Amino acid sequence: MVKAVCWVILCAVAVLPVAGMAAAPSETSITSSGSARSFMVAMPANVQPYEQLPVIFLWHWLGGSASAFYASGQVQAAVDQQRFLAVI
C-alpha cells in the first residue's frame, strides 16, 4: 500500500501543468500489484511557481469514482480557496 501511495504522489507531480496554468483534472491510471488504479489531481487555478502546497488524499465512497467525487464534492472550489493539491 505504501508503495502504491508513493507512486501516486510521483504520478500526481508528473501530471501537474505549468505553474499558473491549472487544467481541469482528468483521470490518470497506473498499475499497482497487477491492478489498474485511477486517480485525479486537482490544483488551484492560479498556482504560482514559488508555492509549496500540501497534498491531500480524498477517498471516494465504495462504488464511486474520482470524477463523481470531484463534481459533487465541490473539490475545485475547496482547492482554490484552501490552497492544496487534491489527489482523488
Protein backbone atom coordinates (compact mmCIF):
# COMPACT_ATOMS: atom_id res chain seq x y z
CA MET A 1 0.00 0.00 0.00
CA VAL A 2 2.79 2.44 0.88
CA LYS A 3 4.49 1.71 -2.44
CA ALA A 4 1.24 2.46 -4.31
CA VAL A 5 0.70 5.73 -2.40
CA CYS A 6 4.26 6.87 -3.13
CA TRP A 7 3.77 6.00 -6.81
CA VAL A 8 0.54 8.04 -6.90
CA ILE A 9 2.35 11.05 -5.40
CA LEU A 10 5.08 10.81 -8.04
CA CYS A 11 2.48 10.50 -10.81
CA ALA A 12 0.50 13.39 -9.35
CA VAL A 13 3.53 15.65 -9.54
CA ALA A 14 4.31 14.46 -13.07
CA VAL A 15 0.85 15.34 -14.41
CA LEU A 16 0.77 18.87 -12.99
CA PRO A 17 0.56 21.54 -15.66
CA VAL A 18 2.89 24.53 -15.88
CA ALA A 19 2.57 26.83 -12.85
CA GLY A 20 -0.18 29.39 -13.21
CA MET A 21 -1.99 27.28 -15.82
CA ALA A 22 -4.11 24.79 -13.87
CA ALA A 23 -6.03 22.49 -16.17
CA ALA A 24 -9.27 20.75 -15.37
CA PRO A 25 -8.33 17.44 -13.76
CA SER A 26 -8.66 14.26 -15.77
CA GLU A 27 -8.29 10.67 -14.65
CA THR A 28 -4.82 9.16 -14.80
CA SER A 29 -4.19 5.42 -14.47
CA ILE A 30 -1.34 3.40 -13.03
CA THR A 31 -0.87 -0.33 -12.46
CA SER A 32 -0.15 -1.40 -8.90
CA SER A 33 0.30 -5.05 -7.95
CA GLY A 34 -1.24 -6.06 -11.25
CA SER A 35 -4.40 -3.98 -10.78
CA ALA A 36 -5.28 -0.82 -12.70
CA ARG A 37 -5.79 2.17 -10.40
CA SER A 38 -7.06 5.55 -11.50
CA PHE A 39 -6.90 8.92 -9.79
CA MET A 40 -7.32 12.64 -10.44
CA VAL A 41 -5.20 15.57 -9.29
CA ALA A 42 -6.92 18.92 -8.67
CA MET A 43 -4.82 22.01 -8.12
CA PRO A 44 -5.59 25.70 -7.54
CA ALA A 45 -6.49 27.61 -10.68
CA ASN A 46 -3.78 30.22 -10.13
CA VAL A 47 -0.95 28.25 -8.53
CA GLN A 48 2.36 30.11 -8.51
CA PRO A 49 5.83 28.61 -9.13
CA TYR A 50 7.04 29.54 -5.63
CA GLU A 51 4.10 27.95 -3.78
CA GLN A 52 4.63 24.84 -1.69
CA LEU A 53 1.21 23.25 -1.41
CA PRO A 54 0.21 20.33 0.80
CA VAL A 55 -1.04 17.16 -0.89
CA ILE A 56 -4.37 15.90 0.46
CA PHE A 57 -5.77 12.48 -0.46
CA LEU A 58 -9.55 12.40 -0.84
CA TRP A 59 -11.19 8.95 -0.79
CA HIS A 60 -14.46 8.42 -2.65
CA TRP A 61 -17.25 6.15 -1.45
CA LEU A 62 -17.47 2.47 -2.40
CA GLY A 63 -18.72 2.06 -5.93
CA GLY A 64 -17.97 5.72 -6.61
CA SER A 65 -15.41 7.31 -8.86
CA ALA A 66 -12.89 10.10 -8.65
CA SER A 67 -14.75 12.16 -11.25
CA ALA A 68 -18.10 11.80 -9.42
CA PHE A 69 -16.46 12.84 -6.14
CA TYR A 70 -14.77 15.80 -7.84
CA ALA A 71 -18.06 17.01 -9.32
CA SER A 72 -20.34 16.50 -6.31
CA GLY A 73 -17.81 17.35 -3.61
CA GLN A 74 -17.00 20.85 -4.86
CA VAL A 75 -13.35 19.86 -4.82
CA GLN A 76 -12.16 22.61 -7.17
CA ALA A 77 -13.75 25.31 -5.02
CA ALA A 78 -12.05 23.87 -1.91
CA VAL A 79 -8.67 23.57 -3.66
CA ASP A 80 -8.88 27.15 -4.93
CA GLN A 81 -9.92 28.57 -1.55
CA GLN A 82 -7.78 26.45 0.81
CA ARG A 83 -4.67 26.17 -1.46
CA PHE A 84 -3.80 22.47 -1.65
CA LEU A 85 -3.33 19.69 -4.20
CA ALA A 86 -6.09 17.09 -4.07
CA VAL A 87 -5.48 13.51 -5.14
CA ILE A 88 -8.81 11.74 -5.56
